[in-house]
């Protein structure tokens, strides 16, 4: 699933989509560098657009955050191989999503979600569960995890493993953290 369509329900023109993508990229960078409270004008300027363009695309900063994480879910879904060993799947997703995990950790305390945005963020979690379900089913058939482990459990495991990786770590440190964390985590998920 891609970012939600604009209110018209039509796919945006290519130039409009490029501006929208630039806003999402700029928001991710600005949130990571300056925190969630960065002025929206700063994000618009970093994207090379005006404030009106920002507001035509996103109602508020929560909608920007949602678009960042929605795009990340799409990216992770595209790289998923359900037949790969489950520890490899989780490790690959943590490595690929380490920027998003770090960004979410940084801004989550400052998110002020209304009911609609809260529902949208919860829907992202449900999407992740659906994306991971085939990999979990395959892992259960192979005996890699217990039969009572659910897709929601696997999403939680992914979030837990993602929290071990810090933006200041080099690739070698990331690898050690992921390997150690997954060994500990999957010891509890394996059949007895």
N, C-alpha and C. Protein backbone atom coordinates (compact mmCIF):
# COMPACT_ATOMS: atom_id res chain seq x y z
N UNK A 1 0.85 -1.18 0.00
CA UNK A 1 0.00 0.00 0.00
C UNK A 1 0.89 1.23 0.00
N UNK A 2 0.54 2.17 -0.80
CA UNK A 2 1.31 3.40 -0.86
C UNK A 2 0.65 4.45 0.02
N UNK A 3 1.26 5.63 0.06
CA UNK A 3 0.67 6.71 0.84
C UNK A 3 -0.77 6.94 0.39
N UNK A 4 -1.63 7.35 1.30
CA UNK A 4 -3.02 7.59 0.92
C UNK A 4 -3.13 8.61 -0.20
N UNK A 5 -4.15 8.42 -1.04
CA UNK A 5 -4.39 9.36 -2.13
C UNK A 5 -4.85 10.68 -1.56
N UNK A 6 -4.64 11.74 -2.32
CA UNK A 6 -5.14 13.04 -1.88
C UNK A 6 -6.66 13.02 -1.78
N UNK A 7 -7.24 14.03 -1.15
CA UNK A 7 -8.69 14.04 -0.92
C UNK A 7 -9.53 13.86 -2.18
N UNK A 8 -8.98 14.18 -3.35
CA UNK A 8 -9.76 14.03 -4.59
C UNK A 8 -9.96 12.57 -4.95
N UNK A 9 -9.13 11.67 -4.41
CA UNK A 9 -9.25 10.25 -4.72
C UNK A 9 -8.50 9.86 -5.98
N UNK A 10 -7.99 10.82 -6.73
CA UNK A 10 -7.24 10.54 -7.95
C UNK A 10 -5.76 10.44 -7.62
N UNK A 11 -5.06 9.70 -8.44
CA UNK A 11 -3.61 9.65 -8.30
C UNK A 11 -3.05 11.02 -8.65
N UNK A 12 -2.06 11.49 -7.89
CA UNK A 12 -1.51 12.82 -8.16
C UNK A 12 -0.68 12.82 -9.45
N UNK A 13 -0.56 14.00 -10.05
CA UNK A 13 0.33 14.15 -11.20
C UNK A 13 1.74 13.84 -10.75
N UNK A 14 2.60 13.54 -11.70
CA UNK A 14 3.99 13.17 -11.37
C UNK A 14 4.69 14.28 -10.60
N UNK A 15 4.55 15.54 -11.01
CA UNK A 15 5.23 16.62 -10.30
C UNK A 15 4.67 16.78 -8.90
N UNK A 16 3.37 16.59 -8.74
CA UNK A 16 2.77 16.67 -7.40
C UNK A 16 3.27 15.53 -6.53
N UNK A 17 3.41 14.33 -7.11
CA UNK A 17 3.92 13.19 -6.35
C UNK A 17 5.37 13.42 -5.94
N UNK A 18 6.15 14.02 -6.82
CA UNK A 18 7.55 14.33 -6.49
C UNK A 18 7.63 15.32 -5.32
N UNK A 19 6.76 16.33 -5.33
CA UNK A 19 6.74 17.29 -4.21
C UNK A 19 6.32 16.59 -2.92
N UNK A 20 5.33 15.73 -3.01
CA UNK A 20 4.87 14.99 -1.83
C UNK A 20 6.00 14.11 -1.28
N UNK A 21 6.68 13.41 -2.17
CA UNK A 21 7.81 12.57 -1.75
C UNK A 21 8.92 13.41 -1.12
N UNK A 22 9.17 14.59 -1.70
CA UNK A 22 10.19 15.49 -1.14
C UNK A 22 9.80 15.95 0.26
N UNK A 23 8.52 16.20 0.47
CA UNK A 23 8.05 16.60 1.80
C UNK A 23 8.24 15.46 2.81
N UNK A 24 7.95 14.24 2.41
CA UNK A 24 8.11 13.09 3.31
C UNK A 24 9.59 12.91 3.65
N UNK A 25 10.46 12.99 2.63
CA UNK A 25 11.90 12.87 2.87
C UNK A 25 12.39 13.98 3.80
N UNK A 26 11.97 15.20 3.53
CA UNK A 26 12.39 16.34 4.35
C UNK A 26 11.88 16.21 5.77
N UNK A 27 10.64 15.76 5.94
CA UNK A 27 10.09 15.60 7.29
C UNK A 27 10.88 14.55 8.06
N UNK A 28 11.19 13.44 7.43
CA UNK A 28 11.97 12.39 8.11
C UNK A 28 13.33 12.94 8.55
N UNK A 29 13.99 13.67 7.66
CA UNK A 29 15.30 14.23 8.01
C UNK A 29 15.19 15.29 9.10
N UNK A 30 14.22 16.18 8.97
CA UNK A 30 14.06 17.24 9.96
C UNK A 30 13.66 16.70 11.33
N UNK A 31 12.74 15.73 11.35
CA UNK A 31 12.34 15.12 12.63
C UNK A 31 13.54 14.44 13.28
N UNK A 32 14.35 13.75 12.48
CA UNK A 32 15.52 13.04 13.03
C UNK A 32 16.56 14.02 13.56
N UNK A 33 16.77 15.12 12.85
CA UNK A 33 17.82 16.06 13.23
C UNK A 33 17.38 17.05 14.30
N UNK A 34 16.13 17.53 14.20
CA UNK A 34 15.70 18.63 15.06
C UNK A 34 14.58 18.28 16.01
N UNK A 35 14.07 17.08 15.92
CA UNK A 35 12.98 16.67 16.80
C UNK A 35 11.62 16.88 16.16
N UNK A 36 10.63 16.33 16.79
CA UNK A 36 9.28 16.34 16.24
C UNK A 36 8.68 17.74 16.21
N UNK A 37 9.15 18.62 17.05
CA UNK A 37 8.60 19.98 17.12
C UNK A 37 9.18 20.94 16.10
N UNK A 38 9.98 20.44 15.17
CA UNK A 38 10.56 21.32 14.16
C UNK A 38 9.44 22.09 13.45
N UNK A 39 9.62 23.38 13.20
CA UNK A 39 8.57 24.13 12.50
C UNK A 39 8.27 23.53 11.13
N UNK A 40 7.00 23.47 10.79
CA UNK A 40 6.61 22.91 9.50
C UNK A 40 7.19 23.73 8.34
N UNK A 41 7.41 25.02 8.56
CA UNK A 41 8.02 25.85 7.53
C UNK A 41 9.43 25.37 7.22
N UNK A 42 10.13 24.87 8.23
CA UNK A 42 11.48 24.33 8.03
C UNK A 42 11.42 23.10 7.14
N UNK A 43 10.42 22.25 7.36
CA UNK A 43 10.25 21.06 6.54
C UNK A 43 9.93 21.46 5.10
N UNK A 44 9.02 22.40 4.93
CA UNK A 44 8.66 22.85 3.58
C UNK A 44 9.90 23.41 2.87
N UNK A 45 10.67 24.23 3.56
CA UNK A 45 11.87 24.81 2.96
C UNK A 45 12.87 23.72 2.58
N UNK A 46 13.05 22.73 3.45
CA UNK A 46 13.98 21.63 3.16
C UNK A 46 13.52 20.82 1.95
N UNK A 47 12.22 20.76 1.73
CA UNK A 47 11.66 20.05 0.57
C UNK A 47 11.68 20.91 -0.69
N UNK A 48 11.97 22.21 -0.53
CA UNK A 48 11.99 23.11 -1.67
C UNK A 48 10.61 23.51 -2.14
N UNK A 49 9.66 23.53 -1.20
CA UNK A 49 8.29 23.93 -1.54
C UNK A 49 7.82 24.98 -0.54
N UNK A 50 6.70 25.57 -0.83
CA UNK A 50 6.12 26.53 0.09
C UNK A 50 5.22 25.86 1.12
N UNK A 51 4.87 26.64 2.10
CA UNK A 51 4.01 26.15 3.18
C UNK A 51 2.65 25.69 2.66
N UNK A 52 2.12 26.40 1.68
CA UNK A 52 0.82 26.02 1.12
C UNK A 52 0.87 24.63 0.49
N UNK A 53 1.97 24.30 -0.16
CA UNK A 53 2.13 22.97 -0.75
C UNK A 53 2.15 21.91 0.33
N UNK A 54 2.84 22.21 1.43
CA UNK A 54 2.87 21.27 2.55
C UNK A 54 1.44 21.00 3.03
N UNK A 55 0.67 22.06 3.26
CA UNK A 55 -0.69 21.90 3.79
C UNK A 55 -1.66 21.31 2.77
N UNK A 56 -1.37 21.43 1.47
CA UNK A 56 -2.20 20.76 0.47
C UNK A 56 -2.02 19.25 0.55
N UNK A 57 -0.84 18.84 0.99
CA UNK A 57 -0.52 17.41 1.04
C UNK A 57 -0.76 16.77 2.40
N UNK A 58 -0.57 17.55 3.47
CA UNK A 58 -0.65 17.00 4.82
C UNK A 58 -1.37 17.97 5.73
N UNK A 59 -2.34 17.47 6.46
CA UNK A 59 -3.11 18.32 7.37
C UNK A 59 -2.28 18.85 8.54
N UNK A 60 -1.34 18.01 9.01
CA UNK A 60 -0.58 18.36 10.20
C UNK A 60 0.67 17.51 10.28
N UNK A 61 1.46 17.73 11.31
CA UNK A 61 2.71 16.98 11.45
C UNK A 61 2.46 15.50 11.71
N UNK A 62 1.33 15.17 12.34
CA UNK A 62 1.00 13.76 12.56
C UNK A 62 0.78 13.05 11.23
N UNK A 63 0.13 13.74 10.29
CA UNK A 63 -0.08 13.16 8.96
C UNK A 63 1.26 12.96 8.25
N UNK A 64 2.20 13.87 8.45
CA UNK A 64 3.55 13.70 7.89
C UNK A 64 4.23 12.48 8.50
N UNK A 65 4.15 12.34 9.82
CA UNK A 65 4.76 11.19 10.49
C UNK A 65 4.12 9.90 9.98
N UNK A 66 2.82 9.89 9.84
CA UNK A 66 2.12 8.72 9.34
C UNK A 66 2.61 8.36 7.93
N UNK A 67 2.79 9.36 7.08
CA UNK A 67 3.27 9.12 5.72
C UNK A 67 4.68 8.53 5.73
N UNK A 68 5.52 9.02 6.62
CA UNK A 68 6.89 8.48 6.73
C UNK A 68 6.83 6.99 7.06
N UNK A 69 6.06 6.65 8.08
CA UNK A 69 6.04 5.26 8.54
C UNK A 69 5.25 4.36 7.58
N UNK A 70 4.25 4.91 6.91
CA UNK A 70 3.52 4.14 5.92
C UNK A 70 4.44 3.75 4.76
N UNK A 71 5.24 4.70 4.33
CA UNK A 71 6.19 4.41 3.24
C UNK A 71 7.21 3.37 3.70
N UNK A 72 7.63 3.45 4.95
CA UNK A 72 8.59 2.48 5.47
C UNK A 72 7.98 1.08 5.51
N UNK A 73 6.73 0.97 5.90
CA UNK A 73 6.05 -0.33 5.91
C UNK A 73 6.01 -0.89 4.49
N UNK A 74 5.70 -0.05 3.51
CA UNK A 74 5.69 -0.49 2.11
C UNK A 74 7.06 -1.01 1.69
N UNK A 75 8.09 -0.28 2.09
CA UNK A 75 9.46 -0.67 1.72
C UNK A 75 9.84 -2.01 2.34
N UNK A 76 9.51 -2.18 3.61
CA UNK A 76 9.82 -3.44 4.29
C UNK A 76 9.03 -4.60 3.68
N UNK A 77 7.79 -4.36 3.33
CA UNK A 77 6.95 -5.40 2.72
C UNK A 77 7.56 -5.88 1.41
N UNK A 78 8.11 -4.96 0.63
CA UNK A 78 8.67 -5.31 -0.67
C UNK A 78 9.91 -6.19 -0.54
N UNK A 79 10.59 -6.13 0.57
CA UNK A 79 11.82 -6.91 0.72
C UNK A 79 11.61 -8.23 1.45
N UNK A 80 10.42 -8.49 1.92
CA UNK A 80 10.16 -9.68 2.73
C UNK A 80 10.19 -10.95 1.88
N UNK A 81 10.93 -11.93 2.34
CA UNK A 81 10.95 -13.26 1.73
C UNK A 81 10.37 -14.23 2.76
N UNK A 82 9.11 -14.65 2.58
CA UNK A 82 8.46 -15.50 3.58
C UNK A 82 9.16 -16.84 3.80
N UNK A 83 9.95 -17.27 2.82
CA UNK A 83 10.60 -18.57 2.95
C UNK A 83 11.97 -18.51 3.63
N UNK A 84 12.46 -17.32 3.89
CA UNK A 84 13.75 -17.18 4.58
C UNK A 84 13.57 -17.56 6.05
N UNK A 85 14.62 -18.04 6.70
CA UNK A 85 14.52 -18.31 8.14
C UNK A 85 14.03 -17.06 8.88
N UNK A 86 13.22 -17.26 9.88
CA UNK A 86 12.56 -16.13 10.54
C UNK A 86 13.57 -15.19 11.20
N UNK A 87 14.65 -15.71 11.75
CA UNK A 87 15.65 -14.82 12.34
C UNK A 87 16.31 -13.96 11.27
N UNK A 88 16.52 -14.54 10.09
CA UNK A 88 17.08 -13.76 8.97
C UNK A 88 16.09 -12.69 8.53
N UNK A 89 14.82 -13.04 8.47
CA UNK A 89 13.78 -12.08 8.07
C UNK A 89 13.76 -10.90 9.04
N UNK A 90 13.73 -11.18 10.33
CA UNK A 90 13.69 -10.10 11.31
C UNK A 90 14.97 -9.28 11.26
N UNK A 91 16.12 -9.94 11.17
CA UNK A 91 17.40 -9.22 11.10
C UNK A 91 17.45 -8.31 9.88
N UNK A 92 17.00 -8.81 8.74
CA UNK A 92 16.99 -8.01 7.51
C UNK A 92 16.08 -6.80 7.67
N UNK A 93 14.91 -7.00 8.25
CA UNK A 93 13.96 -5.91 8.42
C UNK A 93 14.48 -4.87 9.42
N UNK A 94 15.13 -5.33 10.47
CA UNK A 94 15.69 -4.40 11.45
C UNK A 94 16.80 -3.57 10.81
N UNK A 95 17.69 -4.23 10.07
CA UNK A 95 18.77 -3.50 9.39
C UNK A 95 18.19 -2.47 8.42
N UNK A 96 17.24 -2.92 7.61
CA UNK A 96 16.66 -2.03 6.59
C UNK A 96 15.84 -0.91 7.21
N UNK A 97 15.21 -1.19 8.34
CA UNK A 97 14.35 -0.20 8.96
C UNK A 97 14.96 0.55 10.12
N UNK A 98 16.25 0.44 10.28
CA UNK A 98 16.87 1.03 11.48
C UNK A 98 16.66 2.53 11.57
N UNK A 99 16.64 3.22 10.46
CA UNK A 99 16.38 4.66 10.50
C UNK A 99 14.96 4.95 10.97
N UNK A 100 14.01 4.17 10.50
CA UNK A 100 12.61 4.37 10.90
C UNK A 100 12.40 4.01 12.37
N UNK A 101 13.04 2.93 12.84
CA UNK A 101 12.92 2.56 14.25
C UNK A 101 13.46 3.68 15.13
N UNK A 102 14.60 4.21 14.74
CA UNK A 102 15.23 5.29 15.50
C UNK A 102 14.36 6.54 15.48
N UNK A 103 13.82 6.87 14.32
CA UNK A 103 12.96 8.04 14.20
C UNK A 103 11.71 7.87 15.06
N UNK A 104 11.10 6.70 15.01
CA UNK A 104 9.90 6.48 15.80
C UNK A 104 10.20 6.62 17.28
N UNK A 105 11.34 6.07 17.73
CA UNK A 105 11.72 6.19 19.14
C UNK A 105 11.89 7.66 19.52
N UNK A 106 12.44 8.44 18.59
CA UNK A 106 12.69 9.85 18.89
C UNK A 106 11.40 10.66 18.99
N UNK A 107 10.43 10.40 18.11
CA UNK A 107 9.25 11.26 18.07
C UNK A 107 8.03 10.70 18.78
N UNK A 108 8.05 9.42 19.14
CA UNK A 108 6.83 8.80 19.69
C UNK A 108 6.34 9.48 20.96
N UNK A 109 7.24 9.95 21.78
CA UNK A 109 6.82 10.60 23.02
C UNK A 109 6.12 11.93 22.76
N UNK A 110 6.37 12.53 21.60
CA UNK A 110 5.80 13.83 21.28
C UNK A 110 4.57 13.77 20.39
N UNK A 111 4.25 12.58 19.89
CA UNK A 111 3.07 12.46 19.03
C UNK A 111 1.81 12.76 19.82
N UNK A 112 1.00 13.63 19.30
CA UNK A 112 -0.29 13.96 19.90
C UNK A 112 -1.36 13.56 18.90
N UNK A 113 -1.86 12.35 19.07
CA UNK A 113 -2.74 11.80 18.07
C UNK A 113 -4.20 12.01 18.40
N UNK A 114 -4.95 12.52 17.43
CA UNK A 114 -6.40 12.55 17.57
C UNK A 114 -6.90 11.15 17.21
N UNK A 115 -8.20 10.92 17.30
CA UNK A 115 -8.74 9.59 17.06
C UNK A 115 -8.43 9.08 15.66
N UNK A 116 -8.54 9.95 14.66
CA UNK A 116 -8.29 9.52 13.28
C UNK A 116 -6.83 9.12 13.07
N UNK A 117 -5.90 9.94 13.56
CA UNK A 117 -4.48 9.61 13.41
C UNK A 117 -4.10 8.39 14.25
N UNK A 118 -4.68 8.25 15.42
CA UNK A 118 -4.42 7.07 16.25
C UNK A 118 -4.87 5.81 15.50
N UNK A 119 -6.05 5.88 14.90
CA UNK A 119 -6.55 4.74 14.12
C UNK A 119 -5.64 4.44 12.93
N UNK A 120 -5.12 5.49 12.30
CA UNK A 120 -4.23 5.30 11.16
C UNK A 120 -2.92 4.63 11.59
N UNK A 121 -2.37 5.04 12.74
CA UNK A 121 -1.15 4.40 13.24
C UNK A 121 -1.42 2.95 13.64
N UNK A 122 -2.58 2.69 14.23
CA UNK A 122 -2.93 1.31 14.57
C UNK A 122 -3.08 0.47 13.31
N UNK A 123 -3.62 1.08 12.26
CA UNK A 123 -3.77 0.36 10.99
C UNK A 123 -2.40 -0.01 10.41
N UNK A 124 -1.39 0.82 10.63
CA UNK A 124 -0.04 0.46 10.19
C UNK A 124 0.43 -0.82 10.89
N UNK A 125 0.14 -0.92 12.17
CA UNK A 125 0.51 -2.14 12.91
C UNK A 125 -0.22 -3.36 12.36
N UNK A 126 -1.48 -3.20 12.03
CA UNK A 126 -2.26 -4.31 11.46
C UNK A 126 -1.68 -4.69 10.09
N UNK A 127 -1.28 -3.68 9.30
CA UNK A 127 -0.64 -3.97 8.00
C UNK A 127 0.65 -4.75 8.20
N UNK A 128 1.46 -4.36 9.19
CA UNK A 128 2.70 -5.09 9.45
C UNK A 128 2.39 -6.54 9.84
N UNK A 129 1.36 -6.74 10.64
CA UNK A 129 0.98 -8.10 11.01
C UNK A 129 0.63 -8.92 9.77
N UNK A 130 -0.15 -8.34 8.87
CA UNK A 130 -0.54 -9.04 7.64
C UNK A 130 0.67 -9.33 6.76
N UNK A 131 1.61 -8.40 6.72
CA UNK A 131 2.82 -8.59 5.92
C UNK A 131 3.67 -9.72 6.48
N UNK A 132 3.77 -9.80 7.80
CA UNK A 132 4.62 -10.80 8.44
C UNK A 132 3.95 -12.16 8.59
N UNK A 133 2.63 -12.24 8.44
CA UNK A 133 1.91 -13.49 8.66
C UNK A 133 2.43 -14.64 7.79
N UNK A 134 2.68 -14.45 6.48
CA UNK A 134 3.19 -15.58 5.69
C UNK A 134 4.57 -16.06 6.16
N UNK A 135 5.43 -15.15 6.57
CA UNK A 135 6.75 -15.53 7.07
C UNK A 135 6.61 -16.30 8.38
N UNK A 136 5.69 -15.86 9.23
CA UNK A 136 5.46 -16.57 10.48
C UNK A 136 4.89 -17.96 10.23
N UNK A 137 3.92 -18.06 9.33
CA UNK A 137 3.34 -19.38 9.01
C UNK A 137 4.43 -20.34 8.54
N UNK A 138 5.30 -19.85 7.64
CA UNK A 138 6.38 -20.69 7.12
C UNK A 138 7.34 -21.08 8.24
N UNK A 139 7.65 -20.15 9.12
CA UNK A 139 8.56 -20.44 10.24
C UNK A 139 7.94 -21.47 11.19
N UNK A 140 6.65 -21.37 11.41
CA UNK A 140 5.98 -22.35 12.27
C UNK A 140 5.98 -23.73 11.62
N UNK A 141 5.76 -23.78 10.32
CA UNK A 141 5.80 -25.08 9.62
C UNK A 141 7.20 -25.70 9.71
N UNK A 142 8.23 -24.86 9.68
CA UNK A 142 9.61 -25.36 9.78
C UNK A 142 10.03 -25.63 11.22
N UNK A 143 9.20 -25.31 12.19
CA UNK A 143 9.53 -25.54 13.59
C UNK A 143 10.46 -24.50 14.18
N UNK A 144 10.56 -23.33 13.57
CA UNK A 144 11.45 -22.27 14.06
C UNK A 144 10.86 -21.50 15.22
N UNK A 145 9.54 -21.42 15.29
CA UNK A 145 8.86 -20.75 16.39
C UNK A 145 7.66 -21.57 16.81
N UNK A 146 7.23 -21.33 18.02
CA UNK A 146 6.09 -22.07 18.57
C UNK A 146 4.82 -21.78 17.76
N UNK A 147 3.89 -22.70 17.82
CA UNK A 147 2.62 -22.56 17.10
C UNK A 147 1.73 -21.48 17.68
N UNK A 148 1.92 -21.11 18.95
CA UNK A 148 1.05 -20.10 19.56
C UNK A 148 1.55 -18.66 19.34
N UNK A 149 2.67 -18.49 18.63
CA UNK A 149 3.17 -17.15 18.31
C UNK A 149 2.27 -16.56 17.22
N UNK A 150 1.86 -15.31 17.41
CA UNK A 150 0.96 -14.65 16.47
C UNK A 150 1.72 -13.60 15.65
N UNK A 151 1.12 -13.15 14.55
CA UNK A 151 1.75 -12.04 13.81
C UNK A 151 1.97 -10.81 14.69
N UNK A 152 1.05 -10.54 15.61
CA UNK A 152 1.23 -9.41 16.52
C UNK A 152 2.47 -9.61 17.39
N UNK A 153 2.70 -10.85 17.84
CA UNK A 153 3.91 -11.16 18.62
C UNK A 153 5.16 -10.88 17.78
N UNK A 154 5.10 -11.24 16.51
CA UNK A 154 6.25 -11.04 15.64
C UNK A 154 6.51 -9.56 15.40
N UNK A 155 5.46 -8.76 15.26
CA UNK A 155 5.63 -7.31 15.14
C UNK A 155 6.29 -6.76 16.40
N UNK A 156 5.84 -7.23 17.56
CA UNK A 156 6.45 -6.79 18.82
C UNK A 156 7.92 -7.20 18.87
N UNK A 157 8.23 -8.41 18.42
CA UNK A 157 9.62 -8.87 18.39
C UNK A 157 10.45 -7.97 17.47
N UNK A 158 9.88 -7.61 16.34
CA UNK A 158 10.57 -6.72 15.41
C UNK A 158 10.83 -5.37 16.05
N UNK A 159 9.84 -4.83 16.74
CA UNK A 159 10.02 -3.53 17.42
C UNK A 159 11.07 -3.65 18.53
N UNK A 160 11.04 -4.75 19.26
CA UNK A 160 12.03 -4.95 20.33
C UNK A 160 13.45 -5.00 19.74
N UNK A 161 13.61 -5.79 18.68
CA UNK A 161 14.93 -5.89 18.05
C UNK A 161 15.34 -4.55 17.46
N UNK A 162 14.40 -3.82 16.89
CA UNK A 162 14.69 -2.51 16.32
C UNK A 162 15.17 -1.51 17.36
N UNK A 163 14.68 -1.66 18.58
CA UNK A 163 15.08 -0.71 19.63
C UNK A 163 16.52 -0.92 20.10
N UNK A 164 17.12 -2.04 19.72
CA UNK A 164 18.51 -2.31 20.10
C UNK A 164 19.51 -1.56 19.23
N UNK A 165 19.05 -1.08 18.10
CA UNK A 165 19.95 -0.47 17.12
C UNK A 165 19.88 1.05 17.25
N UNK A 166 21.01 1.65 17.51
CA UNK A 166 21.09 3.10 17.67
C UNK A 166 21.72 3.73 16.43
N UNK A 167 21.31 4.95 16.09
CA UNK A 167 21.84 5.59 14.88
C UNK A 167 23.35 5.80 14.91
N UNK A 168 23.96 5.87 16.07
CA UNK A 168 25.40 6.13 16.16
C UNK A 168 26.23 4.87 15.97
N UNK A 169 25.61 3.72 15.85
CA UNK A 169 26.34 2.46 15.73
C UNK A 169 26.85 2.25 14.31
N UNK A 170 28.06 1.69 14.23
CA UNK A 170 28.57 1.30 12.92
C UNK A 170 27.91 -0.02 12.52
N UNK A 171 28.07 -0.42 11.27
CA UNK A 171 27.41 -1.63 10.77
C UNK A 171 27.81 -2.87 11.57
N UNK A 172 29.07 -2.93 11.99
CA UNK A 172 29.52 -4.09 12.77
C UNK A 172 28.79 -4.15 14.12
N UNK A 173 28.67 -3.01 14.80
CA UNK A 173 27.95 -2.97 16.07
C UNK A 173 26.47 -3.33 15.88
N UNK A 174 25.89 -2.84 14.79
CA UNK A 174 24.49 -3.17 14.49
C UNK A 174 24.35 -4.67 14.35
N UNK A 175 25.25 -5.29 13.60
CA UNK A 175 25.20 -6.74 13.41
C UNK A 175 25.28 -7.51 14.72
N UNK A 176 26.19 -7.11 15.60
CA UNK A 176 26.35 -7.78 16.90
C UNK A 176 25.09 -7.59 17.74
N UNK A 177 24.56 -6.38 17.79
CA UNK A 177 23.35 -6.12 18.57
C UNK A 177 22.17 -6.96 18.07
N UNK A 178 21.99 -6.98 16.75
CA UNK A 178 20.88 -7.74 16.19
C UNK A 178 21.05 -9.23 16.47
N UNK A 179 22.25 -9.75 16.24
CA UNK A 179 22.51 -11.17 16.47
C UNK A 179 22.25 -11.55 17.93
N UNK A 180 22.78 -10.77 18.84
CA UNK A 180 22.61 -11.06 20.27
C UNK A 180 21.14 -10.93 20.67
N UNK A 181 20.51 -9.85 20.26
CA UNK A 181 19.12 -9.64 20.61
C UNK A 181 18.20 -10.72 20.07
N UNK A 182 18.43 -11.11 18.82
CA UNK A 182 17.57 -12.15 18.23
C UNK A 182 17.81 -13.51 18.87
N UNK A 183 19.06 -13.80 19.22
CA UNK A 183 19.33 -15.07 19.91
C UNK A 183 18.54 -15.13 21.21
N UNK A 184 18.56 -14.06 21.99
CA UNK A 184 17.82 -14.02 23.24
C UNK A 184 16.32 -14.06 23.00
N UNK A 185 15.86 -13.29 22.04
CA UNK A 185 14.43 -13.20 21.75
C UNK A 185 13.88 -14.53 21.23
N UNK A 186 14.54 -15.13 20.26
CA UNK A 186 14.00 -16.34 19.66
C UNK A 186 14.18 -17.57 20.54
N UNK A 187 15.01 -17.49 21.56
CA UNK A 187 15.06 -18.58 22.54
C UNK A 187 13.68 -18.72 23.19
N UNK A 188 13.03 -17.59 23.43
CA UNK A 188 11.70 -17.62 24.03
C UNK A 188 10.60 -17.97 23.04
N UNK A 189 10.83 -17.84 21.75
CA UNK A 189 9.80 -18.13 20.75
C UNK A 189 9.86 -19.54 20.19
N UNK A 190 10.99 -20.21 20.40
CA UNK A 190 11.16 -21.55 19.85
C UNK A 190 10.31 -22.56 20.62
N UNK A 191 9.94 -23.64 19.92
CA UNK A 191 9.18 -24.71 20.63
C UNK A 191 10.05 -25.29 21.75
N UNK A 192 9.39 -25.73 22.76
CA UNK A 192 10.12 -26.32 23.91
C UNK A 192 10.44 -27.76 23.65
